[in-house]
Amino acid sequence: MSQARARRRDRQVYLRSHPILFALMAATRRWPATRIGMTVLAHSRSAFTDGLTRVPLDRTAEGTTGGAAGRLAGGGLLFDQEGDDHRGSRRGLAESLGADGVDRLRPVWTDVLDRRLKPLADGTPIDLVEVAAELSGATAAALLDLNVDPLELASAARAAAAAGAREHLPGLPFPSRRRAAEQAAAHLNALLSPISASGSGPGGSQAPATGTGANDSRSAATGYGLGDSRSAADGSGVGDSRSAASGSGLAAMLAVAAINTTVAGLPRAAAWCADADLWEYAETAPEALTSELLRVTAPTPLLPRVAAAPGTIAGRPVHQGDRLILITRHAVDAHHRDPFPTHPAPPQVAQLVFGAGPHACPGARLARAQLTDALTALAPYRPQVTRARADRRSALPSWSTLILTPTTKPTRPT
């Protein structure tokens, strides 16, 4: 067991599923920011925060989450709003994801953990990817007040994100990719049809909204554009009637983001914890462990944006229309600083995995709570990874299978 082993394993999700992207990130990371044609890649912490706080962003540009939201619902969603509308929607979302919101939703995912981790007590291995899928699907269904199978919802959201990402791969357009994306989006949208019919989630205008559906094949995901959706929610909710009124469009965007980031992030964090033998910290310093594992795995490793006006990133000029690739993974030192729960990175660094400034994630509290509870529930079994397979089709770096086998039994009920 070692940090080096954990890092080697985690690197496989990039090398096997997104090798070209990983190579580009690695080749350019020596510079705080660098330009390739009309694209600016921001690697350093200051360059990353500059891209989110100092450069005006085009919320409706093609290839961004805001652009997809505009096509979904004709504008007015959190992702493509400006000024007071944007701030108002974000405040409503943040309020619904406060401590009370997390307390209300916690029984949903703890029930899944209690049930799905029981086989470990008998020495039976589990696939943590399946557990994460049900956990995220159940949370999203609860947020949307949907009577739908959590695994079916999770499967649909993952398929929609993957199909949308493939449609945006560089090169010539393929009609088959467009058709696949449309079919995946249609299936997801059908699961969210109660949201379409009612125009709101649970509780009418006070409903949390997190699902995902997509009337446009590109709405489900634009590659790593999920990062912006996640900043709007990670299993989130919207306590503002203006957001609820957007109906299934907002529900679709948020569910895709919430489910995909959870399914990507939770298994990767647990695998690192197992390989580096960090389970004791899940019992003695759970919050610090969660913060460090989120930092090194960076479930959304980069954020794509488009500049709406000139600006600067780490002193490098940015022009209107430039595409920005803000690399979260490097901004938080995930590429060279191992997780140490006894000496965690400063909060202002670790928090960057959830964005910064007006683009910070209102769902950060919920994301941290889910991961902390999952690691705490796993810790008594001290599980090891006995099989792992990278997902070559996912929108985010993910495992398609992660088999955990217990090495011990709890001495008391968990």
Protein backbone atom coordinates (compact mmCIF):
# COMPACT_ATOMS: atom_id res chain seq x y z
CA MET A 1 0.00 0.00 0.00
CA SER A 2 1.40 3.40 -0.92
CA GLN A 3 0.57 6.81 -2.27
CA ALA A 4 2.58 5.96 -5.39
CA ARG A 5 0.42 2.93 -6.06
CA ALA A 6 -2.73 4.97 -5.54
CA ARG A 7 -1.49 7.61 -7.96
CA ARG A 8 -0.56 5.04 -10.60
CA ARG A 9 -3.99 3.47 -10.42
CA ASP A 10 -5.84 6.76 -10.55
CA ARG A 11 -3.81 7.84 -13.57
CA GLN A 12 -5.33 4.94 -15.48
CA VAL A 13 -8.72 6.62 -15.67
CA TYR A 14 -7.07 9.35 -17.75
CA LEU A 15 -4.69 7.21 -19.79
CA ARG A 16 -7.33 4.66 -20.77
CA SER A 17 -10.35 6.90 -21.28
CA HIS A 18 -8.96 10.35 -22.21
CA PRO A 19 -5.34 9.81 -23.29
CA ILE A 20 -5.06 12.74 -25.70
CA LEU A 21 -6.51 15.18 -23.21
CA PHE A 22 -4.25 13.91 -20.44
CA ALA A 23 -1.20 14.21 -22.70
CA LEU A 24 -2.13 17.81 -23.60
CA MET A 25 -2.60 18.72 -19.94
CA ALA A 26 0.75 17.17 -19.01
CA ALA A 27 2.66 18.72 -21.92
CA THR A 28 1.57 22.30 -21.15
CA ARG A 29 1.46 22.32 -17.36
CA ARG A 30 4.95 23.83 -16.96
CA TRP A 31 3.49 27.24 -17.87
CA PRO A 32 0.92 29.04 -15.68
CA ALA A 33 -1.09 29.72 -18.85
CA THR A 34 -0.42 28.97 -22.47
CA ARG A 35 -2.13 29.67 -25.77
CA ILE A 36 -2.74 27.15 -28.56
CA GLY A 37 -4.43 28.97 -31.41
CA MET A 38 -7.60 30.55 -29.99
CA THR A 39 -7.52 28.38 -26.86
CA VAL A 40 -5.91 29.43 -23.59
CA LEU A 41 -5.05 26.69 -21.11
CA ALA A 42 -4.84 27.84 -17.48
CA HIS A 43 -2.82 25.58 -15.18
CA SER A 44 -1.66 27.54 -12.15
CA ARG A 45 -3.87 28.42 -9.21
CA SER A 46 -3.81 32.11 -10.05
CA ALA A 47 -4.53 31.45 -13.73
CA PHE A 48 -7.47 29.21 -12.81
CA THR A 49 -9.01 31.80 -10.51
CA ASP A 50 -8.35 34.56 -13.04
CA GLY A 51 -10.37 32.59 -15.59
CA LEU A 52 -13.34 32.36 -13.23
CA THR A 53 -13.21 35.78 -11.61
CA ARG A 54 -11.34 38.24 -13.86
CA VAL A 55 -12.44 37.35 -17.37
CA PRO A 56 -16.04 38.07 -18.48
CA LEU A 57 -17.52 34.75 -19.61
CA ASP A 58 -19.97 34.08 -22.42
CA ARG A 59 -22.70 32.04 -20.73
CA THR A 60 -24.41 31.08 -23.98
CA ALA A 61 -21.41 30.10 -26.13
CA GLU A 62 -21.41 26.86 -28.11
CA GLY A 63 -19.69 24.07 -26.23
CA THR A 64 -20.43 25.49 -22.77
CA THR A 65 -23.05 24.47 -20.25
CA GLY A 66 -24.82 27.79 -20.64
CA GLY A 67 -25.12 27.26 -24.38
CA ALA A 68 -26.69 23.88 -23.82
CA ALA A 69 -29.07 25.35 -21.25
CA GLY A 70 -30.18 28.02 -23.68
CA ARG A 71 -31.05 25.41 -26.29
CA LEU A 72 -32.87 23.36 -23.67
CA ALA A 73 -35.24 25.95 -22.31
CA GLY A 74 -34.84 29.08 -24.36
CA GLY A 75 -32.69 30.82 -21.76
CA GLY A 76 -33.41 31.87 -18.20
CA LEU A 77 -31.61 28.96 -16.58
CA LEU A 78 -28.96 29.40 -13.92
CA PHE A 79 -26.18 28.64 -16.39
CA ASP A 80 -26.95 31.36 -18.93
CA GLN A 81 -28.26 34.12 -16.68
CA GLU A 82 -26.42 37.35 -16.07
CA GLY A 83 -26.23 39.90 -13.28
CA ASP A 84 -29.01 40.01 -10.69
CA ASP A 85 -30.89 37.06 -12.21
CA HIS A 86 -27.82 34.85 -11.95
CA ARG A 87 -27.02 35.93 -8.40
CA GLY A 88 -30.64 35.49 -7.32
CA SER A 89 -30.88 31.97 -8.71
CA ARG A 90 -27.58 31.00 -7.15
CA ARG A 91 -28.72 32.30 -3.76
CA GLY A 92 -31.89 30.24 -3.97
CA LEU A 93 -29.91 27.17 -4.93
CA ALA A 94 -27.35 27.69 -2.17
CA GLU A 95 -30.08 28.10 0.45
CA SER A 96 -31.70 24.82 -0.55
CA LEU A 97 -28.31 23.07 -0.24
CA GLY A 98 -27.48 24.39 3.20
CA ALA A 99 -27.18 22.34 6.37
CA ASP A 100 -30.93 21.75 6.57
CA GLY A 101 -31.07 20.52 2.99
CA VAL A 102 -28.21 18.09 3.55
CA ASP A 103 -29.84 16.79 6.74
CA ARG A 104 -33.08 16.23 4.85
CA LEU A 105 -31.40 14.28 2.06
CA ARG A 106 -28.86 12.32 4.11
CA PRO A 107 -31.27 9.44 4.94
CA VAL A 108 -31.65 8.80 1.21
CA TRP A 109 -28.00 8.01 0.54
CA THR A 110 -27.29 6.44 3.95
CA ASP A 111 -30.09 3.96 3.28
CA VAL A 112 -28.38 2.99 0.02
CA LEU A 113 -25.03 2.65 1.79
CA ASP A 114 -26.48 0.53 4.61
CA ARG A 115 -28.09 -1.86 2.15
CA ARG A 116 -25.44 -2.04 -0.55
CA LEU A 117 -22.44 -2.40 1.81
CA LYS A 118 -23.97 -5.25 3.85
CA PRO A 119 -22.26 -7.97 1.75
CA LEU A 120 -18.89 -6.73 3.02
CA ALA A 121 -19.80 -7.99 6.50
CA ASP A 122 -19.92 -11.54 5.07
CA GLY A 123 -16.65 -11.12 3.20
CA THR A 124 -18.41 -10.67 -0.14
CA PRO A 125 -16.89 -8.17 -2.60
CA ILE A 126 -18.94 -5.28 -3.96
CA ASP A 127 -18.76 -3.12 -7.08
CA LEU A 128 -18.53 0.43 -5.74
CA VAL A 129 -19.43 1.91 -9.13
CA GLU A 130 -22.86 0.30 -8.88
CA VAL A 131 -23.23 1.57 -5.32
CA ALA A 132 -22.31 5.11 -6.41
CA ALA A 133 -24.77 4.91 -9.29
CA GLU A 134 -27.65 3.93 -7.02
CA LEU A 135 -26.65 6.47 -4.37
CA SER A 136 -26.56 9.34 -6.87
CA GLY A 137 -29.69 8.19 -8.68
CA ALA A 138 -31.64 7.91 -5.42
CA THR A 139 -30.54 11.36 -4.31
CA ALA A 140 -31.48 12.91 -7.64
CA ALA A 141 -34.86 11.16 -7.61
CA ALA A 142 -35.55 12.43 -4.09
CA LEU A 143 -34.62 15.95 -5.08
CA LEU A 144 -37.00 15.81 -8.03
CA ASP A 145 -39.74 13.92 -6.21
CA LEU A 146 -39.64 11.26 -8.93
CA ASN A 147 -40.93 7.73 -8.54
CA VAL A 148 -38.23 6.22 -10.71
CA ASP A 149 -35.71 3.44 -10.28
CA PRO A 150 -32.47 5.10 -9.09
CA LEU A 151 -30.26 2.84 -11.18
CA GLU A 152 -32.31 3.51 -14.28
CA LEU A 153 -32.07 7.26 -13.72
CA ALA A 154 -28.33 7.01 -13.12
CA SER A 155 -27.83 4.86 -16.20
CA ALA A 156 -29.78 7.30 -18.36
CA ALA A 157 -27.87 10.32 -17.04
CA ARG A 158 -24.52 8.63 -17.60
CA ALA A 159 -25.46 7.52 -21.11
CA ALA A 160 -26.68 11.00 -22.01
CA ALA A 161 -23.47 12.59 -20.74
CA ALA A 162 -21.25 10.09 -22.56
CA ALA A 163 -23.16 10.44 -25.83
CA GLY A 164 -23.09 14.22 -25.60
CA ALA A 165 -19.34 14.17 -24.95
CA ARG A 166 -18.66 11.89 -27.91
CA GLU A 167 -20.65 14.17 -30.17
CA HIS A 168 -18.25 17.00 -29.32
CA LEU A 169 -15.05 15.08 -30.00
CA PRO A 170 -12.71 16.89 -32.42
CA GLY A 171 -12.92 15.96 -36.08
CA LEU A 172 -15.62 15.52 -38.65
CA PRO A 173 -19.21 15.28 -37.40
CA PHE A 174 -20.69 11.79 -37.40
CA PRO A 175 -24.48 11.48 -37.86
CA SER A 176 -24.40 8.28 -35.81
CA ARG A 177 -23.06 10.21 -32.81
CA ARG A 178 -25.83 12.77 -33.14
CA ARG A 179 -28.48 10.04 -33.33
CA ALA A 180 -27.03 8.23 -30.32
CA ALA A 181 -26.97 11.46 -28.34
CA GLU A 182 -30.56 12.26 -29.28
CA GLN A 183 -31.75 8.80 -28.28
CA ALA A 184 -29.93 8.92 -24.95
CA ALA A 185 -31.30 12.38 -24.22
CA ALA A 186 -34.83 11.33 -25.17
CA HIS A 187 -34.69 8.39 -22.77
CA LEU A 188 -33.50 10.59 -19.93
CA ASN A 189 -36.09 13.22 -20.71
CA ALA A 190 -38.81 10.54 -20.58
CA LEU A 191 -37.76 9.62 -17.05
CA LEU A 192 -38.08 13.27 -16.09
CA SER A 193 -41.50 13.69 -17.70
CA PRO A 194 -43.21 14.48 -14.36
CA ILE A 195 -40.98 17.57 -14.17
CA SER A 196 -41.97 18.54 -17.68
CA ALA A 197 -45.62 18.15 -16.85
CA SER A 198 -45.59 20.03 -13.58
CA GLY A 199 -42.94 22.62 -14.34
CA SER A 200 -41.49 22.16 -10.87
CA GLY A 201 -39.98 19.65 -8.53
CA PRO A 202 -41.15 18.60 -5.08
CA GLY A 203 -43.12 21.17 -3.21
CA GLY A 204 -44.04 23.30 -6.20
CA SER A 205 -42.01 26.48 -6.44
CA GLN A 206 -39.84 25.47 -3.50
CA ALA A 207 -38.73 22.29 -5.21
CA PRO A 208 -35.18 21.13 -5.44
CA ALA A 209 -34.22 20.51 -9.02
CA THR A 210 -31.43 18.19 -9.95
CA GLY A 211 -32.24 15.74 -12.56
CA THR A 212 -31.25 15.88 -16.09
CA GLY A 213 -33.05 15.41 -19.27
CA ALA A 214 -32.24 16.85 -22.56
CA ASN A 215 -34.31 18.06 -25.44
CA ASP A 216 -31.07 18.64 -27.32
CA SER A 217 -28.48 15.93 -27.69
CA ARG A 218 -25.75 18.34 -26.72
CA SER A 219 -27.44 19.43 -23.53
CA ALA A 220 -26.48 16.38 -21.56
CA ALA A 221 -22.78 17.12 -21.59
CA THR A 222 -20.17 18.99 -23.51
CA GLY A 223 -17.17 16.94 -22.63
CA TYR A 224 -15.83 18.21 -19.34
CA GLY A 225 -18.45 20.96 -19.43
CA LEU A 226 -20.09 19.00 -16.65
CA GLY A 227 -17.86 20.99 -14.34
CA ASP A 228 -20.09 24.03 -14.63
CA SER A 229 -23.25 22.04 -14.11
CA ARG A 230 -21.77 20.55 -11.05
CA SER A 231 -20.95 23.99 -9.79
CA ALA A 232 -24.62 24.58 -9.92
CA ALA A 233 -25.37 21.40 -8.11
CA ASP A 234 -24.03 18.07 -7.04
CA GLY A 235 -27.24 16.50 -6.21
CA SER A 236 -28.56 19.95 -5.69
CA GLY A 237 -31.82 21.75 -5.33
CA VAL A 238 -33.35 25.00 -6.36
CA GLY A 239 -35.41 26.84 -3.84
CA ASP A 240 -36.32 29.65 -6.20
CA SER A 241 -39.56 29.65 -8.20
CA ARG A 242 -37.83 31.14 -11.24
CA SER A 243 -35.57 28.11 -11.44
CA ALA A 244 -38.36 25.63 -10.80
CA ALA A 245 -40.38 27.23 -13.57
CA SER A 246 -37.70 26.25 -16.04
CA GLY A 247 -39.02 22.70 -15.72
CA SER A 248 -37.18 19.71 -17.04
CA GLY A 249 -34.49 21.77 -18.75
CA LEU A 250 -32.82 22.72 -15.49
CA ALA A 251 -33.64 19.33 -14.00
CA ALA A 252 -31.91 17.65 -16.94
CA MET A 253 -28.75 19.76 -16.71
CA LEU A 254 -28.40 19.32 -12.96
CA ALA A 255 -29.11 15.59 -12.86
CA VAL A 256 -26.53 14.83 -15.52
CA ALA A 257 -23.96 16.82 -13.57
CA ALA A 258 -24.86 15.46 -10.14
CA ILE A 259 -24.97 11.81 -11.14
CA ASN A 260 -21.91 11.80 -13.36
CA THR A 261 -19.65 13.60 -10.94
CA THR A 262 -20.70 11.34 -8.05
CA VAL A 263 -20.23 8.15 -10.06
CA ALA A 264 -16.84 9.42 -11.21
CA GLY A 265 -15.64 10.84 -7.91
CA LEU A 266 -16.72 8.43 -5.18
CA PRO A 267 -15.08 5.24 -6.58
CA ARG A 268 -11.87 7.07 -7.45
CA ALA A 269 -11.63 8.51 -3.94
CA ALA A 270 -12.28 5.11 -2.35
CA ALA A 271 -9.71 3.41 -4.59
CA TRP A 272 -7.07 5.96 -3.58
CA CYS A 273 -8.02 5.51 0.07
CA ALA A 274 -7.62 1.73 -0.23
CA ASP A 275 -4.34 1.79 -2.17
CA ALA A 276 -2.73 4.34 0.15
CA ASP A 277 -4.18 2.69 3.29
CA LEU A 278 -5.93 5.82 4.50
CA TRP A 279 -9.00 4.13 6.01
CA GLU A 280 -8.08 5.02 9.59
CA TYR A 281 -8.52 8.69 8.75
CA ALA A 282 -12.15 8.05 7.77
CA GLU A 283 -12.65 7.33 11.47
CA THR A 284 -10.30 9.86 13.04
CA ALA A 285 -10.31 12.80 10.58
CA PRO A 286 -13.15 12.21 8.10
CA GLU A 287 -13.58 15.80 6.92
CA ALA A 288 -9.86 16.25 6.27
CA LEU A 289 -9.73 12.93 4.42
CA THR A 290 -12.69 13.90 2.24
CA SER A 291 -11.18 17.28 1.43
CA GLU A 292 -7.84 15.75 0.45
CA LEU A 293 -9.34 12.97 -1.66
CA LEU A 294 -11.59 15.41 -3.51
CA ARG A 295 -8.51 17.53 -4.16
CA VAL A 296 -6.33 14.76 -5.61
CA THR A 297 -9.07 13.08 -7.65
CA ALA A 298 -10.66 16.36 -8.88
CA PRO A 299 -13.76 14.62 -10.35
CA THR A 300 -14.19 17.49 -12.82
CA PRO A 301 -10.53 17.98 -13.82
CA LEU A 302 -11.10 20.92 -16.14
CA LEU A 303 -13.67 23.58 -16.94
CA PRO A 304 -14.29 24.78 -20.52
CA ARG A 305 -15.30 28.42 -20.91
CA VAL A 306 -15.46 31.12 -23.59
CA ALA A 307 -14.36 34.72 -23.02
CA ALA A 308 -17.09 37.28 -23.59
CA ALA A 309 -14.65 40.23 -23.56
CA PRO A 310 -10.91 40.86 -23.37
CA GLY A 311 -9.10 40.12 -20.12
CA THR A 312 -5.97 38.53 -18.73
CA ILE A 313 -5.12 35.14 -17.26
CA ALA A 314 -1.85 34.99 -15.34
CA GLY A 315 -0.73 38.07 -17.27
CA ARG A 316 -1.49 36.52 -20.65
CA PRO A 317 -3.94 38.48 -22.84
CA VAL A 318 -7.31 36.88 -23.51
CA HIS A 319 -9.41 38.02 -26.45
CA GLN A 320 -13.15 38.00 -26.90
CA GLY A 321 -14.21 34.62 -28.24
CA ASP A 322 -11.14 32.77 -26.96
CA ARG A 323 -11.87 29.33 -25.60
CA LEU A 324 -10.58 28.86 -22.05
CA ILE A 325 -9.58 25.50 -20.58
CA LEU A 326 -9.30 25.99 -16.82
CA ILE A 327 -7.54 22.95 -15.39
CA THR A 328 -8.83 22.29 -11.90
CA ARG A 329 -6.52 19.33 -11.40
CA HIS A 330 -3.41 21.49 -11.63
CA ALA A 331 -4.84 24.46 -9.74
CA VAL A 332 -5.24 22.30 -6.62
CA ASP A 333 -1.87 20.52 -7.04
CA ALA A 334 -3.55 17.18 -7.65
CA HIS A 335 -0.80 16.21 -10.09
CA HIS A 336 2.06 16.27 -7.59
CA ARG A 337 0.85 16.69 -3.98
CA ASP A 338 -0.44 13.48 -2.39
CA PRO A 339 -3.33 13.56 0.10
CA PHE A 340 -2.25 13.93 3.72
CA PRO A 341 -5.23 14.20 6.09
CA THR A 342 -2.90 15.19 8.95
CA HIS A 343 -1.60 18.13 6.92
CA PRO A 344 -4.39 18.97 4.47
CA ALA A 345 -4.14 21.68 1.86
CA PRO A 346 -5.49 25.07 2.97
CA PRO A 347 -9.27 25.36 2.55
CA GLN A 348 -8.89 28.09 -0.08
CA VAL A 349 -6.93 25.61 -2.21
CA ALA A 350 -9.03 22.49 -1.64
CA GLN A 351 -12.24 24.42 -2.29
CA LEU A 352 -11.14 25.19 -5.86
CA VAL A 353 -12.37 21.75 -6.95
CA PHE A 354 -15.80 23.38 -6.58
CA GLY A 355 -14.89 26.52 -8.52
CA ALA A 356 -14.32 30.06 -7.31
CA GLY A 357 -16.04 33.41 -6.92
CA PRO A 358 -19.40 33.70 -8.67
CA HIS A 359 -18.80 30.25 -10.17
CA ALA A 360 -18.29 28.42 -6.86
CA CYS A 361 -20.39 25.32 -6.35
CA PRO A 362 -23.48 25.73 -4.14
CA GLY A 363 -23.60 21.93 -3.86
CA ALA A 364 -20.17 21.59 -2.25
CA ARG A 365 -21.62 20.84 1.18
CA LEU A 366 -23.76 18.02 -0.20
CA ALA A 367 -20.89 16.54 -2.21
CA ARG A 368 -18.59 16.51 0.80
CA ALA A 369 -21.27 14.98 3.04
CA GLN A 370 -21.96 12.15 0.61
CA LEU A 371 -18.30 11.25 0.21
CA THR A 372 -17.61 11.49 3.95
CA ASP A 373 -20.53 9.20 4.76
CA ALA A 374 -19.47 6.68 2.11
CA LEU A 375 -15.86 6.53 3.31
CA THR A 376 -16.95 6.30 6.95
CA ALA A 377 -19.26 3.40 6.10
CA LEU A 378 -16.51 1.58 4.19
CA ALA A 379 -13.72 2.14 6.72
CA PRO A 380 -14.56 -0.63 9.24
CA TYR A 381 -14.07 -3.24 6.51
CA ARG A 382 -10.67 -1.86 5.38
CA PRO A 383 -11.49 -2.91 1.80
CA GLN A 384 -8.87 -3.39 -0.89
CA VAL A 385 -9.26 -2.99 -4.64
CA THR A 386 -9.21 -6.42 -6.26
CA ARG A 387 -10.34 -5.39 -9.74
CA ALA A 388 -10.64 -2.06 -11.53
CA ARG A 389 -11.55 -1.23 -15.10
CA ALA A 390 -11.51 2.28 -16.53
CA ASP A 391 -14.63 3.51 -18.31
CA ARG A 392 -13.53 4.36 -21.84
CA ARG A 393 -16.88 5.90 -22.77
CA SER A 394 -17.69 8.12 -19.81
CA ALA A 395 -17.84 11.91 -20.00
CA LEU A 396 -15.60 12.23 -16.93
CA PRO A 397 -12.57 10.14 -15.91
CA SER A 398 -14.24 7.19 -14.22
CA TRP A 399 -14.08 3.52 -13.37
CA SER A 400 -16.65 1.29 -15.06
CA THR A 401 -15.96 -1.39 -12.44
CA LEU A 402 -14.27 -1.09 -9.05
CA ILE A 403 -14.41 -4.26 -6.97
CA LEU A 404 -13.72 -3.82 -3.26
CA THR A 405 -13.02 -6.84 -1.06
CA PRO A 406 -13.09 -6.52 2.75
CA THR A 407 -9.99 -7.44 4.74
CA THR A 408 -11.60 -7.26 8.17
CA LYS A 409 -14.99 -7.34 9.86
CA PRO A 410 -16.27 -4.56 12.11
CA THR A 411 -15.95 -5.28 15.81
CA ARG A 412 -19.28 -3.58 16.44
CA PRO A 413 -22.34 -2.68 14.33
CA THR A 414 -21.77 0.23 11.97
